[in-house]
Amino acid sequence: MTLVQLGDYQNRDFALVGIPKNVPCLFIQIQNHKTDESYKEAIDGLKFTLQTLSPRNVILYGADRD
């Protein structure tokens, strides 16, 4: 299983370096996004990651915004 910790726009490409496309399972963490802007960045990052890596399966860990 491959793990991705998404951050802001600035580290998006760096976070995916070395991860091959079409991995059997990708584990993604999205947490600590309290503001609307930060939350939007996280969702955009999730979309970018899925489009870039095309994993076969995804496990997503998130946290409540409160």
C-alpha atoms as a PDB file:
ATOM      1  CA  MET A   1       0.000   0.000   0.000  1.00  0.00           C
ATOM      2  CA  THR A   2       1.230   3.479  -0.858  1.00  0.00           C
ATOM      3  CA  LEU A   3       0.657   6.453   1.472  1.00  0.00           C
ATOM      4  CA  VAL A   4       0.097  10.069   0.382  1.00  0.00           C
ATOM      5  CA  GLN A   5      -0.114  12.949   2.848  1.00  0.00           C
ATOM      6  CA  LEU A   6      -1.650  15.893   1.020  1.00  0.00           C
ATOM      7  CA  GLY A   7      -0.594  19.416   1.898  1.00  0.00           C
ATOM      8  CA  ASP A   8      -1.053  22.704   0.105  1.00  0.00           C
ATOM      9  CA  TYR A   9      -0.598  23.534  -3.558  1.00  0.00           C
ATOM     10  CA  GLN A  10       3.126  24.178  -3.119  1.00  0.00           C
ATOM     11  CA  ASN A  11       4.045  20.604  -2.161  1.00  0.00           C
ATOM     12  CA  ARG A  12       1.567  18.749  -4.361  1.00  0.00           C
ATOM     13  CA  ASP A  13       4.022  17.594  -7.049  1.00  0.00           C
ATOM     14  CA  PHE A  14       6.706  16.825  -4.469  1.00  0.00           C
ATOM     15  CA  ALA A  15       4.331  14.636  -2.449  1.00  0.00           C
ATOM     16  CA  LEU A  16       3.776  12.376  -5.477  1.00  0.00           C
ATOM     17  CA  VAL A  17       7.430  11.958  -6.538  1.00  0.00           C
ATOM     18  CA  GLY A  18       8.373   8.298  -6.872  1.00  0.00           C
ATOM     19  CA  ILE A  19       4.845   6.937  -6.587  1.00  0.00           C
ATOM     20  CA  PRO A  20       4.051   4.823  -9.649  1.00  0.00           C
ATOM     21  CA  LYS A  21       0.781   5.049 -11.537  1.00  0.00           C
ATOM     22  CA  ASN A  22      -1.872   2.345 -11.168  1.00  0.00           C
ATOM     23  CA  VAL A  23      -0.786   1.170  -7.711  1.00  0.00           C
ATOM     24  CA  PRO A  24      -3.052  -1.565  -6.299  1.00  0.00           C
ATOM     25  CA  CYS A  25      -4.053   0.559  -3.280  1.00  0.00           C
ATOM     26  CA  LEU A  26      -3.407   4.181  -2.374  1.00  0.00           C
ATOM     27  CA  PHE A  27      -3.925   5.455   1.190  1.00  0.00           C
ATOM     28  CA  ILE A  28      -4.587   9.211   1.354  1.00  0.00           C
ATOM     29  CA  GLN A  29      -4.769  11.360   4.480  1.00  0.00           C
ATOM     30  CA  ILE A  30      -6.714  14.618   4.482  1.00  0.00           C
ATOM     31  CA  GLN A  31      -7.001  16.295   7.859  1.00  0.00           C
ATOM     32  CA  ASN A  32      -6.569  19.560   9.767  1.00  0.00           C
ATOM     33  CA  HIS A  33      -8.319  21.724   7.200  1.00  0.00           C
ATOM     34  CA  LYS A  34     -10.280  24.231   9.265  1.00  0.00           C
ATOM     35  CA  THR A  35     -10.831  27.037   6.755  1.00  0.00           C
ATOM     36  CA  ASP A  36     -12.857  26.908   3.556  1.00  0.00           C
ATOM     37  CA  GLU A  37      -9.735  27.757   1.525  1.00  0.00           C
ATOM     38  CA  SER A  38      -7.705  24.981   3.130  1.00  0.00           C
ATOM     39  CA  TYR A  39     -10.540  22.502   2.673  1.00  0.00           C
ATOM     40  CA  LYS A  40     -10.846  23.448  -1.014  1.00  0.00           C
ATOM     41  CA  GLU A  41      -7.089  22.950  -1.459  1.00  0.00           C
ATOM     42  CA  ALA A  42      -7.407  19.492   0.101  1.00  0.00           C
ATOM     43  CA  ILE A  43     -10.239  18.467  -2.217  1.00  0.00           C
ATOM     44  CA  ASP A  44      -8.377  19.847  -5.247  1.00  0.00           C
ATOM     45  CA  GLY A  45      -5.298  17.916  -4.105  1.00  0.00           C
ATOM     46  CA  LEU A  46      -7.323  14.735  -3.813  1.00  0.00           C
ATOM     47  CA  LYS A  47      -8.654  15.161  -7.352  1.00  0.00           C
ATOM     48  CA  PHE A  48      -5.154  15.945  -8.656  1.00  0.00           C
ATOM     49  CA  THR A  49      -3.702  12.879  -6.942  1.00  0.00           C
ATOM     50  CA  LEU A  50      -6.366  10.538  -8.288  1.00  0.00           C
ATOM     51  CA  GLN A  51      -6.030  11.917 -11.819  1.00  0.00           C
ATOM     52  CA  THR A  52      -2.227  11.798 -11.707  1.00  0.00           C
ATOM     53  CA  LEU A  53      -1.729   8.358 -10.168  1.00  0.00           C
ATOM     54  CA  SER A  54      -4.868   6.490 -11.294  1.00  0.00           C
ATOM     55  CA  PRO A  55      -4.810   4.032  -8.373  1.00  0.00           C
ATOM     56  CA  ARG A  56      -6.907   0.890  -8.636  1.00  0.00           C
ATOM     57  CA  ASN A  57      -8.259   1.286  -5.077  1.00  0.00           C
ATOM     58  CA  VAL A  58      -8.242   4.151  -2.559  1.00  0.00           C
ATOM     59  CA  ILE A  59      -8.468   4.272   1.223  1.00  0.00           C
ATOM     60  CA  LEU A  60      -9.208   7.813   2.388  1.00  0.00           C
ATOM     61  CA  TYR A  61      -8.678   9.013   5.955  1.00  0.00           C
ATOM     62  CA  GLY A  62     -10.181  12.349   6.865  1.00  0.00           C
ATOM     63  CA  ALA A  63     -11.101  14.324   9.914  1.00  0.00           C
ATOM     64  CA  ASP A  64     -14.057  16.469  10.851  1.00  0.00           C
ATOM     65  CA  ARG A  65     -13.624  20.159  10.047  1.00  0.00           C
ATOM     66  CA  ASP A  66     -14.652  21.167  13.586  1.00  0.00           C
END
